[in-house]
Amino acid sequence: MILTTTPSVQGRSIVEYKGVVFGEVIAGVNFLRDIAASVRNFIGGRSSSYEEELISARTKAMEEMAARAAKLGADAVVGIDLDYEVLGTDNGMLMVTASGTAVKLD
């Protein structure tokens, strides 16, 4: 499965549009990570625990989107867009959404 943010795949022609596909992940951020991030925020530096959670959520959203495209018989997903949101009353949830157009290539 080819995944790209571009509207086409270089050297290949789109022969059929299968539809828009999505992958969504909502991940809770745990208490210990919040403490570690607060310390990092106070003293400066990067929060590797939050970065790891973000990378994991993004990867899972992309995998879910690719799996949905494969079920439609697509060879690729073009025009991919990634969106990030925080949810919950205390912003304790991270939502990552991947979307794109599933296509069949020549």
PDB file of N, CA and C in Angstrom:
ATOM      1  N   MET A   1       0.855  -1.175   0.000  1.00  0.00           N
ATOM      2  CA  MET A   1       0.000   0.000   0.000  1.00  0.00           C
ATOM      3  C   MET A   1       0.898   1.234   0.000  1.00  0.00           C
ATOM      4  N   ILE A   2       0.702   2.075  -1.002  1.00  0.00           N
ATOM      5  CA  ILE A   2       1.437   3.337  -1.089  1.00  0.00           C
ATOM      6  C   ILE A   2       0.621   4.393  -0.343  1.00  0.00           C
ATOM      7  N   LEU A   3       1.266   5.097   0.562  1.00  0.00           N
ATOM      8  CA  LEU A   3       0.623   6.168   1.330  1.00  0.00           C
ATOM      9  C   LEU A   3       1.376   7.456   1.050  1.00  0.00           C
ATOM     10  N   THR A   4       0.651   8.485   0.612  1.00  0.00           N
ATOM     11  CA  THR A   4       1.312   9.738   0.268  1.00  0.00           C
ATOM     12  C   THR A   4       0.411  10.946   0.527  1.00  0.00           C
ATOM     13  N   THR A   5       1.052  12.050   0.848  1.00  0.00           N
ATOM     14  CA  THR A   5       0.315  13.296   1.043  1.00  0.00           C
ATOM     15  C   THR A   5       0.078  14.006  -0.282  1.00  0.00           C
ATOM     16  N   THR A   6       0.746  13.562  -1.330  1.00  0.00           N
ATOM     17  CA  THR A   6       0.584  14.175  -2.647  1.00  0.00           C
ATOM     18  C   THR A   6      -0.713  13.686  -3.294  1.00  0.00           C
ATOM     19  N   PRO A   7      -1.223  14.427  -4.298  1.00  0.00           N
ATOM     20  CA  PRO A   7      -2.478  14.021  -4.940  1.00  0.00           C
ATOM     21  C   PRO A   7      -2.323  12.912  -5.976  1.00  0.00           C
ATOM     22  N   SER A   8      -1.092  12.480  -6.220  1.00  0.00           N
ATOM     23  CA  SER A   8      -0.845  11.436  -7.205  1.00  0.00           C
ATOM     24  C   SER A   8       0.388  10.638  -6.788  1.00  0.00           C
ATOM     25  N   VAL A   9       0.645   9.556  -7.525  1.00  0.00           N
ATOM     26  CA  VAL A   9       1.828   8.728  -7.291  1.00  0.00           C
ATOM     27  C   VAL A   9       2.691   8.845  -8.541  1.00  0.00           C
ATOM     28  N   GLN A  10       3.895   9.342  -8.369  1.00  0.00           N
ATOM     29  CA  GLN A  10       4.785   9.580  -9.498  1.00  0.00           C
ATOM     30  C   GLN A  10       4.983   8.303 -10.323  1.00  0.00           C
ATOM     31  N   GLY A  11       4.815   8.425 -11.633  1.00  0.00           N
ATOM     32  CA  GLY A  11       5.025   7.306 -12.534  1.00  0.00           C
ATOM     33  C   GLY A  11       3.858   6.341 -12.637  1.00  0.00           C
ATOM     34  N   ARG A  12       2.785   6.597 -11.922  1.00  0.00           N
ATOM     35  CA  ARG A  12       1.599   5.720 -11.947  1.00  0.00           C
ATOM     36  C   ARG A  12       0.369   6.578 -12.214  1.00  0.00           C
ATOM     37  N   SER A  13      -0.596   5.987 -12.856  1.00  0.00           N
ATOM     38  CA  SER A  13      -1.855   6.677 -13.123  1.00  0.00           C
ATOM     39  C   SER A  13      -2.949   6.124 -12.216  1.00  0.00           C
ATOM     40  N   ILE A  14      -3.800   7.011 -11.754  1.00  0.00           N
ATOM     41  CA  ILE A  14      -4.958   6.594 -10.976  1.00  0.00           C
ATOM     42  C   ILE A  14      -6.018   6.153 -11.975  1.00  0.00           C
ATOM     43  N   VAL A  15      -6.481   4.906 -11.839  1.00  0.00           N
ATOM     44  CA  VAL A  15      -7.483   4.382 -12.764  1.00  0.00           C
ATOM     45  C   VAL A  15      -8.870   4.289 -12.126  1.00  0.00           C
ATOM     46  N   GLU A  16      -8.912   4.354 -10.801  1.00  0.00           N
ATOM     47  CA  GLU A  16     -10.206   4.280 -10.120  1.00  0.00           C
ATOM     48  C   GLU A  16     -10.094   4.888  -8.727  1.00  0.00           C
ATOM     49  N   TYR A  17     -11.092   5.700  -8.391  1.00  0.00           N
ATOM     50  CA  TYR A  17     -11.185   6.255  -7.047  1.00  0.00           C
ATOM     51  C   TYR A  17     -12.107   5.363  -6.236  1.00  0.00           C
ATOM     52  N   LYS A  18     -11.621   4.875  -5.112  1.00  0.00           N
ATOM     53  CA  LYS A  18     -12.383   3.953  -4.277  1.00  0.00           C
ATOM     54  C   LYS A  18     -13.155   4.666  -3.173  1.00  0.00           C
ATOM     55  N   GLY A  19     -12.764   5.890  -2.849  1.00  0.00           N
ATOM     56  CA  GLY A  19     -13.453   6.660  -1.819  1.00  0.00           C
ATOM     57  C   GLY A  19     -12.518   7.175  -0.746  1.00  0.00           C
ATOM     58  N   VAL A  20     -13.067   8.009   0.087  1.00  0.00           N
ATOM     59  CA  VAL A  20     -12.306   8.587   1.191  1.00  0.00           C
ATOM     60  C   VAL A  20     -12.239   7.559   2.320  1.00  0.00           C
ATOM     61  N   VAL A  21     -11.049   7.405   2.882  1.00  0.00           N
ATOM     62  CA  VAL A  21     -10.851   6.476   3.992  1.00  0.00           C
ATOM     63  C   VAL A  21     -10.264   7.223   5.182  1.00  0.00           C
ATOM     64  N   PHE A  22     -10.556   6.702   6.376  1.00  0.00           N
ATOM     65  CA  PHE A  22     -10.110   7.324   7.611  1.00  0.00           C
ATOM     66  C   PHE A  22      -9.469   6.297   8.526  1.00  0.00           C
ATOM     67  N   GLY A  23      -8.613   6.775   9.387  1.00  0.00           N
ATOM     68  CA  GLY A  23      -8.099   6.004  10.503  1.00  0.00           C
ATOM     69  C   GLY A  23      -8.117   6.914  11.710  1.00  0.00           C
ATOM     70  N   GLU A  24      -8.759   6.473  12.773  1.00  0.00           N
ATOM     71  CA  GLU A  24      -8.875   7.303  13.976  1.00  0.00           C
ATOM     72  C   GLU A  24      -8.347   6.554  15.187  1.00  0.00           C
ATOM     73  N   VAL A  25      -7.610   7.272  15.999  1.00  0.00           N
ATOM     74  CA  VAL A  25      -7.107   6.708  17.252  1.00  0.00           C
ATOM     75  C   VAL A  25      -7.325   7.740  18.345  1.00  0.00           C
ATOM     76  N   ILE A  26      -7.897   7.287  19.450  1.00  0.00           N
ATOM     77  CA  ILE A  26      -8.015   8.137  20.633  1.00  0.00           C
ATOM     78  C   ILE A  26      -7.246   7.442  21.743  1.00  0.00           C
ATOM     79  N   ALA A  27      -6.241   8.111  22.242  1.00  0.00           N
ATOM     80  CA  ALA A  27      -5.361   7.520  23.253  1.00  0.00           C
ATOM     81  C   ALA A  27      -5.413   8.350  24.525  1.00  0.00           C
ATOM     82  N   GLY A  28      -5.502   7.673  25.640  1.00  0.00           N
ATOM     83  CA  GLY A  28      -5.448   8.348  26.932  1.00  0.00           C
ATOM     84  C   GLY A  28      -4.005   8.560  27.340  1.00  0.00           C
ATOM     85  N   VAL A  29      -3.748   9.692  27.934  1.00  0.00           N
ATOM     86  CA  VAL A  29      -2.408   9.985  28.425  1.00  0.00           C
ATOM     87  C   VAL A  29      -2.428   9.749  29.932  1.00  0.00           C
ATOM     88  N   ASN A  30      -1.519   8.913  30.406  1.00  0.00           N
ATOM     89  CA  ASN A  30      -1.613   8.511  31.812  1.00  0.00           C
ATOM     90  C   ASN A  30      -0.978   9.507  32.779  1.00  0.00           C
ATOM     91  N   PHE A  31      -1.294   9.326  34.019  1.00  0.00           N
ATOM     92  CA  PHE A  31      -0.886  10.219  35.102  1.00  0.00           C
ATOM     93  C   PHE A  31       0.639  10.373  35.202  1.00  0.00           C
ATOM     94  N   LEU A  32       1.377   9.280  35.094  1.00  0.00           N
ATOM     95  CA  LEU A  32       2.836   9.352  35.215  1.00  0.00           C
ATOM     96  C   LEU A  32       3.456  10.161  34.083  1.00  0.00           C
ATOM     97  N   ARG A  33       2.923  10.018  32.894  1.00  0.00           N
ATOM     98  CA  ARG A  33       3.427  10.820  31.776  1.00  0.00           C
ATOM     99  C   ARG A  33       3.137  12.300  32.003  1.00  0.00           C
ATOM    100  N   ASP A  34       1.967  12.600  32.575  1.00  0.00           N
ATOM    101  CA  ASP A  34       1.633  13.993  32.867  1.00  0.00           C
ATOM    102  C   ASP A  34       2.644  14.601  33.842  1.00  0.00           C
ATOM    103  N   ILE A  35       3.017  13.847  34.865  1.00  0.00           N
ATOM    104  CA  ILE A  35       3.997  14.337  35.840  1.00  0.00           C
ATOM    105  C   ILE A  35       5.341  14.571  35.162  1.00  0.00           C
ATOM    106  N   ALA A  36       5.788  13.598  34.371  1.00  0.00           N
ATOM    107  CA  ALA A  36       7.074  13.733  33.684  1.00  0.00           C
ATOM    108  C   ALA A  36       7.062  14.924  32.733  1.00  0.00           C
ATOM    109  N   ALA A  37       5.952  15.123  32.019  1.00  0.00           N
ATOM    110  CA  ALA A  37       5.852  16.250  31.100  1.00  0.00           C
ATOM    111  C   ALA A  37       5.844  17.573  31.849  1.00  0.00           C
ATOM    112  N   SER A  38       5.194  17.605  33.008  1.00  0.00           N
ATOM    113  CA  SER A  38       5.175  18.833  33.814  1.00  0.00           C
ATOM    114  C   SER A  38       6.574  19.213  34.265  1.00  0.00           C
ATOM    115  N   VAL A  39       7.353  18.219  34.665  1.00  0.00           N
ATOM    116  CA  VAL A  39       8.736  18.476  35.072  1.00  0.00           C
ATOM    117  C   VAL A  39       9.532  18.997  33.889  1.00  0.00           C
ATOM    118  N   ARG A  40       9.385  18.358  32.723  1.00  0.00           N
ATOM    119  CA  ARG A  40      10.074  18.809  31.514  1.00  0.00           C
ATOM    120  C   ARG A  40       9.679  20.239  31.163  1.00  0.00           C
ATOM    121  N   ASN A  41       8.390  20.536  31.292  1.00  0.00           N
ATOM    122  CA  ASN A  41       7.904  21.867  30.983  1.00  0.00           C
ATOM    123  C   ASN A  41       8.539  22.897  31.908  1.00  0.00           C
ATOM    124  N   PHE A  42       8.705  22.536  33.173  1.00  0.00           N
ATOM    125  CA  PHE A  42       9.276  23.448  34.160  1.00  0.00           C
ATOM    126  C   PHE A  42      10.770  23.670  33.921  1.00  0.00           C
ATOM    127  N   ILE A  43      11.524  22.591  33.670  1.00  0.00           N
ATOM    128  CA  ILE A  43      12.969  22.719  33.524  1.00  0.00           C
ATOM    129  C   ILE A  43      13.421  22.862  32.073  1.00  0.00           C
ATOM    130  N   GLY A  44      12.508  22.660  31.147  1.00  0.00           N
ATOM    131  CA  GLY A  44      12.841  22.766  29.727  1.00  0.00           C
ATOM    132  C   GLY A  44      13.178  21.407  29.139  1.00  0.00           C
ATOM    133  N   GLY A  45      13.117  21.333  27.833  1.00  0.00           N
ATOM    134  CA  GLY A  45      13.438  20.088  27.148  1.00  0.00           C
ATOM    135  C   GLY A  45      12.213  19.456  26.537  1.00  0.00           C
ATOM    136  N   ARG A  46      12.455  18.332  25.893  1.00  0.00           N
ATOM    137  CA  ARG A  46      11.395  17.613  25.194  1.00  0.00           C
ATOM    138  C   ARG A  46      10.795  16.541  26.088  1.00  0.00           C
ATOM    139  N   SER A  47       9.514  16.278  25.867  1.00  0.00           N
ATOM    140  CA  SER A  47       8.826  15.231  26.615  1.00  0.00           C
ATOM    141  C   SER A  47       8.790  13.972  25.758  1.00  0.00           C
ATOM    142  N   SER A  48       9.752  13.093  25.975  1.00  0.00           N
ATOM    143  CA  SER A  48       9.838  11.889  25.146  1.00  0.00           C
ATOM    144  C   SER A  48       8.633  10.978  25.355  1.00  0.00           C
ATOM    145  N   SER A  49       8.057  10.967  26.541  1.00  0.00           N
ATOM    146  CA  SER A  49       6.899  10.096  26.773  1.00  0.00           C
ATOM    147  C   SER A  49       5.706  10.548  25.929  1.00  0.00           C
ATOM    148  N   TYR A  50       5.461  11.851  25.848  1.00  0.00           N
ATOM    149  CA  TYR A  50       4.382  12.353  25.009  1.00  0.00           C
ATOM    150  C   TYR A  50       4.707  12.153  23.536  1.00  0.00           C
ATOM    151  N   GLU A  51       5.966  12.351  23.157  1.00  0.00           N
ATOM    152  CA  GLU A  51       6.366  12.143  21.771  1.00  0.00           C
ATOM    153  C   GLU A  51       6.139  10.692  21.354  1.00  0.00           C
ATOM    154  N   GLU A  52       6.475   9.760  22.229  1.00  0.00           N
ATOM    155  CA  GLU A  52       6.265   8.340  21.928  1.00  0.00           C
ATOM    156  C   GLU A  52       4.780   8.034  21.771  1.00  0.00           C
ATOM    157  N   GLU A  53       3.952   8.606  22.619  1.00  0.00           N
ATOM    158  CA  GLU A  53       2.503   8.401  22.529  1.00  0.00           C
ATOM    159  C   GLU A  53       1.970   8.979  21.221  1.00  0.00           C
ATOM    160  N   LEU A  54       2.444  10.134  20.830  1.00  0.00           N
ATOM    161  CA  LEU A  54       2.021  10.764  19.592  1.00  0.00           C
ATOM    162  C   LEU A  54       2.435   9.933  18.379  1.00  0.00           C
ATOM    163  N   ILE A  55       3.665   9.463  18.369  1.00  0.00           N
ATOM    164  CA  ILE A  55       4.161   8.621  17.271  1.00  0.00           C
ATOM    165  C   ILE A  55       3.337   7.342  17.175  1.00  0.00           C
ATOM    166  N   SER A  56       3.063   6.720  18.307  1.00  0.00           N
ATOM    167  CA  SER A  56       2.273   5.491  18.329  1.00  0.00           C
ATOM    168  C   SER A  56       0.865   5.731  17.791  1.00  0.00           C
ATOM    169  N   ALA A  57       0.227   6.784  18.237  1.00  0.00           N
ATOM    170  CA  ALA A  57      -1.136   7.088  17.788  1.00  0.00           C
ATOM    171  C   ALA A  57      -1.161   7.389  16.297  1.00  0.00           C
ATOM    172  N   ARG A  58      -0.191   8.146  15.814  1.00  0.00           N
ATOM    173  CA  ARG A  58      -0.122   8.470  14.384  1.00  0.00           C
ATOM    174  C   ARG A  58       0.079   7.201  13.550  1.00  0.00           C
ATOM    175  N   THR A  59       0.991   6.338  13.990  1.00  0.00           N
ATOM    176  CA  THR A  59       1.255   5.084  13.278  1.00  0.00           C
ATOM    177  C   THR A  59       0.009   4.218  13.217  1.00  0.00           C
ATOM    178  N   LYS A  60      -0.700   4.098  14.335  1.00  0.00           N
ATOM    179  CA  LYS A  60      -1.917   3.281  14.367  1.00  0.00           C
ATOM    180  C   LYS A  60      -3.011   3.867  13.465  1.00  0.00           C
ATOM    181  N   ALA A  61      -3.145   5.184  13.452  1.00  0.00           N
ATOM    182  CA  ALA A  61      -4.151   5.821  12.594  1.00  0.00           C
ATOM    183  C   ALA A  61      -3.825   5.573  11.119  1.00  0.00           C
ATOM    184  N   MET A  62      -2.565   5.660  10.747  1.00  0.00           N
ATOM    185  CA  MET A  62      -2.157   5.400   9.359  1.00  0.00           C
ATOM    186  C   MET A  62      -2.394   3.935   8.993  1.00  0.00           C
ATOM    187  N   GLU A  63      -2.066   3.025   9.913  1.00  0.00           N
ATOM    188  CA  GLU A  63      -2.284   1.597   9.657  1.00  0.00           C
ATOM    189  C   GLU A  63      -3.766   1.285   9.485  1.00  0.00           C
ATOM    190  N   GLU A  64      -4.605   1.881  10.324  1.00  0.00           N
ATOM    191  CA  GLU A  64      -6.049   1.668  10.233  1.00  0.00           C
ATOM    192  C   GLU A  64      -6.583   2.189   8.909  1.00  0.00           C
ATOM    193  N   MET A  65      -6.123   3.368   8.496  1.00  0.00           N
ATOM    194  CA  MET A  65      -6.555   3.947   7.226  1.00  0.00           C
ATOM    195  C   MET A  65      -6.132   3.046   6.062  1.00  0.00           C
ATOM    196  N   ALA A  66      -4.892   2.557   6.076  1.00  0.00           N
ATOM    197  CA  ALA A  66      -4.394   1.677   5.017  1.00  0.00           C
ATOM    198  C   ALA A  66      -5.189   0.375   4.967  1.00  0.00           C
ATOM    199  N   ALA A  67      -5.543  -0.168   6.116  1.00  0.00           N
ATOM    200  CA  ALA A  67      -6.327  -1.402   6.160  1.00  0.00           C
ATOM    201  C   ALA A  67      -7.717  -1.191   5.555  1.00  0.00           C
ATOM    202  N   ARG A  68      -8.318  -0.052   5.824  1.00  0.00           N
ATOM    203  CA  ARG A  68      -9.635   0.243   5.255  1.00  0.00           C
ATOM    204  C   ARG A  68      -9.540   0.418   3.739  1.00  0.00           C
ATOM    205  N   ALA A  69      -8.453   1.035   3.275  1.00  0.00           N
ATOM    206  CA  ALA A  69      -8.245   1.185   1.832  1.00  0.00           C
ATOM    207  C   ALA A  69      -8.053  -0.178   1.172  1.00  0.00           C
ATOM    208  N   ALA A  70      -7.305  -1.060   1.816  1.00  0.00           N
ATOM    209  CA  ALA A  70      -7.070  -2.398   1.276  1.00  0.00           C
ATOM    210  C   ALA A  70      -8.386  -3.172   1.142  1.00  0.00           C
ATOM    211  N   LYS A  71      -9.291  -3.000   2.102  1.00  0.00           N
ATOM    212  CA  LYS A  71     -10.594  -3.677   2.034  1.00  0.00           C
ATOM    213  C   LYS A  71     -11.408  -3.213   0.828  1.00  0.00           C
ATOM    214  N   LEU A  72     -11.131  -2.001   0.364  1.00  0.00           N
ATOM    215  CA  LEU A  72     -11.821  -1.471  -0.815  1.00  0.00           C
ATOM    216  C   LEU A  72     -11.130  -1.893  -2.110  1.00  0.00           C
ATOM    217  N   GLY A  73      -9.998  -2.580  -2.003  1.00  0.00           N
ATOM    218  CA  GLY A  73      -9.245  -2.995  -3.186  1.00  0.00           C
ATOM    219  C   GLY A  73      -8.296  -1.934  -3.717  1.00  0.00           C
ATOM    220  N   ALA A  74      -7.933  -0.974  -2.891  1.00  0.00           N
ATOM    221  CA  ALA A  74      -7.041   0.113  -3.308  1.00  0.00           C
ATOM    222  C   ALA A  74      -5.580  -0.322  -3.290  1.00  0.00           C
ATOM    223  N   ASP A  75      -4.788   0.334  -4.122  1.00  0.00           N
ATOM    224  CA  ASP A  75      -3.338   0.151  -4.161  1.00  0.00           C
ATOM    225  C   ASP A  75      -2.607   1.243  -3.387  1.00  0.00           C
ATOM    226  N   ALA A  76      -3.304   2.371  -3.204  1.00  0.00           N
ATOM    227  CA  ALA A  76      -2.661   3.527  -2.588  1.00  0.00           C
ATOM    228  C   ALA A  76      -3.705   4.412  -1.912  1.00  0.00           C
ATOM    229  N   VAL A  77      -3.217   5.270  -1.038  1.00  0.00           N
ATOM    230  CA  VAL A  77      -4.034   6.337  -0.464  1.00  0.00           C
ATOM    231  C   VAL A  77      -3.287   7.628  -0.748  1.00  0.00           C
ATOM    232  N   VAL A  78      -3.955   8.538  -1.461  1.00  0.00           N
ATOM    233  CA  VAL A  78      -3.334   9.811  -1.835  1.00  0.00           C
ATOM    234  C   VAL A  78      -3.988  10.960  -1.080  1.00  0.00           C
ATOM    235  N   GLY A  79      -3.293  12.092  -1.047  1.00  0.00           N
ATOM    236  CA  GLY A  79      -3.840  13.283  -0.402  1.00  0.00           C
ATOM    237  C   GLY A  79      -4.042  13.124   1.089  1.00  0.00           C
ATOM    238  N   ILE A  80      -3.160  12.384   1.737  1.00  0.00           N
ATOM    239  CA  ILE A  80      -3.323  12.109   3.171  1.00  0.00           C
ATOM    240  C   ILE A  80      -3.172  13.381   3.997  1.00  0.00           C
ATOM    241  N   ASP A  81      -4.069  13.512   4.951  1.00  0.00           N
ATOM    242  CA  ASP A  81      -4.038  14.624   5.903  1.00  0.00           C
ATOM    243  C   ASP A  81      -4.081  14.022   7.307  1.00  0.00           C
ATOM    244  N   LEU A  82      -3.273  14.565   8.194  1.00  0.00           N
ATOM    245  CA  LEU A  82      -3.258  14.134   9.595  1.00  0.00           C
ATOM    246  C   LEU A  82      -3.734  15.282  10.466  1.00  0.00           C
ATOM    247  N   ASP A  83      -4.651  14.972  11.377  1.00  0.00           N
ATOM    248  CA  ASP A  83      -5.160  15.973  12.312  1.00  0.00           C
ATOM    249  C   ASP A  83      -4.967  15.476  13.733  1.00  0.00           C
ATOM    250  N   TYR A  84      -4.671  16.406  14.620  1.00  0.00           N
ATOM    251  CA  TYR A  84      -4.426  16.102  16.031  1.00  0.00           C
ATOM    252  C   TYR A  84      -5.332  16.982  16.882  1.00  0.00           C
ATOM    253  N   GLU A  85      -5.958  16.387  17.880  1.00  0.00           N
ATOM    254  CA  GLU A  85      -6.821  17.121  18.811  1.00  0.00           C
ATOM    255  C   GLU A  85      -6.618  16.570  20.213  1.00  0.00           C
ATOM    256  N   VAL A  86      -6.884  17.407  21.202  1.00  0.00           N
ATOM    257  CA  VAL A  86      -6.948  16.931  22.584  1.00  0.00           C
ATOM    258  C   VAL A  86      -8.406  16.964  23.004  1.00  0.00           C
ATOM    259  N   LEU A  87      -8.817  15.940  23.738  1.00  0.00           N
ATOM    260  CA  LEU A  87     -10.212  15.787  24.135  1.00  0.00           C
ATOM    261  C   LEU A  87     -10.312  15.573  25.637  1.00  0.00           C
ATOM    262  N   GLY A  88     -11.526  15.663  26.140  1.00  0.00           N
ATOM    263  CA  GLY A  88     -11.781  15.392  27.549  1.00  0.00           C
ATOM    264  C   GLY A  88     -11.813  16.665  28.361  1.00  0.00           C
ATOM    265  N   THR A  89     -12.427  16.572  29.528  1.00  0.00           N
ATOM    266  CA  THR A  89     -12.568  17.747  30.387  1.00  0.00           C
ATOM    267  C   THR A  89     -11.221  18.253  30.885  1.00  0.00           C
ATOM    268  N   ASP A  90     -10.254  17.343  31.014  1.00  0.00           N
ATOM    269  CA  ASP A  90      -8.918  17.750  31.471  1.00  0.00           C
ATOM    270  C   ASP A  90      -7.879  17.629  30.363  1.00  0.00           C
ATOM    271  N   ASN A  91      -8.341  17.563  29.091  1.00  0.00           N
ATOM    272  CA  ASN A  91      -7.457  17.391  27.940  1.00  0.00           C
ATOM    273  C   ASN A  91      -6.565  16.160  28.079  1.00  0.00           C
ATOM    274  N   GLY A  92      -7.096  15.108  28.676  1.00  0.00           N
ATOM    275  CA  GLY A  92      -6.312  13.911  28.928  1.00  0.00           C
ATOM    276  C   GLY A  92      -6.344  12.879  27.822  1.00  0.00           C
ATOM    277  N   MET A  93      -7.006  13.201  26.710  1.00  0.00           N
ATOM    278  CA  MET A  93      -7.098  12.263  25.597  1.00  0.00           C
ATOM    279  C   MET A  93      -6.512  12.918  24.352  1.00  0.00           C
ATOM    280  N   LEU A  94      -5.775  12.129  23.584  1.00  0.00           N
ATOM    281  CA  LEU A  94      -5.193  12.585  22.332  1.00  0.00           C
ATOM    282  C   LEU A  94      -5.901  11.872  21.191  1.00  0.00           C
ATOM    283  N   MET A  95      -6.416  12.628  20.229  1.00  0.00           N
ATOM    284  CA  MET A  95      -7.048  12.034  19.059  1.00  0.00           C
ATOM    285  C   MET A  95      -6.217  12.346  17.824  1.00  0.00           C
ATOM    286  N   VAL A  96      -5.903  11.303  17.059  1.00  0.00           N
ATOM    287  CA  VAL A  96      -5.192  11.455  15.799  1.00  0.00           C
ATOM    288  C   VAL A  96      -6.087  10.876  14.713  1.00  0.00           C
ATOM    289  N   THR A  97      -6.334  11.663  13.668  1.00  0.00           N
ATOM    290  CA  THR A  97      -7.134  11.211  12.545  1.00  0.00           C
ATOM    291  C   THR A  97      -6.312  11.318  11.274  1.00  0.00           C
ATOM    292  N   ALA A  98      -6.263  10.222  10.514  1.00  0.00           N
ATOM    293  CA  ALA A  98      -5.625  10.208   9.203  1.00  0.00           C
ATOM    294  C   ALA A  98      -6.732  10.032   8.173  1.00  0.00           C
ATOM    295  N   SER A  99      -6.700  10.827   7.111  1.00  0.00           N
ATOM    296  CA  SER A  99      -7.694  10.681   6.051  1.00  0.00           C
ATOM    297  C   SER A  99      -7.024  10.864   4.705  1.00  0.00           C
ATOM    298  N   GLY A 100      -7.603  10.236   3.703  1.00  0.00           N
ATOM    299  CA  GLY A 100      -7.079  10.340   2.354  1.00  0.00           C
ATOM    300  C   GLY A 100      -8.019   9.664   1.391  1.00  0.00           C
ATOM    301  N   THR A 101      -7.658   9.659   0.115  1.00  0.00           N
ATOM    302  CA  THR A 101      -8.467   9.040  -0.916  1.00  0.00           C
ATOM    303  C   THR A 101      -7.842   7.720  -1.339  1.00  0.00           C
ATOM    304  N   ALA A 102      -8.612   6.651  -1.212  1.00  0.00           N
ATOM    305  CA  ALA A 102      -8.168   5.332  -1.637  1.00  0.00           C
ATOM    306  C   ALA A 102      -8.303   5.238  -3.145  1.00  0.00           C
ATOM    307  N   VAL A 103      -7.243   4.787  -3.828  1.00  0.00           N
ATOM    308  CA  VAL A 103      -7.248   4.725  -5.280  1.00  0.00           C
ATOM    309  C   VAL A 103      -6.669   3.403  -5.774  1.00  0.00           C
ATOM    310  N   LYS A 104      -7.067   3.053  -6.985  1.00  0.00           N
ATOM    311  CA  LYS A 104      -6.489   1.906  -7.705  1.00  0.00           C
ATOM    312  C   LYS A 104      -5.545   2.494  -8.752  1.00  0.00           C
ATOM    313  N   LEU A 105      -4.328   1.950  -8.816  1.00  0.00           N
ATOM    314  CA  LEU A 105      -3.323   2.441  -9.757  1.00  0.00           C
ATOM    315  C   LEU A 105      -3.181   1.488 -10.937  1.00  0.00           C
ATOM    316  N   ASP A 106      -2.635   2.020 -12.055  1.00  0.00           N
ATOM    317  CA  ASP A 106      -2.371   1.148 -13.210  1.00  0.00           C
ATOM    318  C   ASP A 106      -1.192   0.254 -12.964  1.00  0.00           C
TER     319      ASP A 106
END
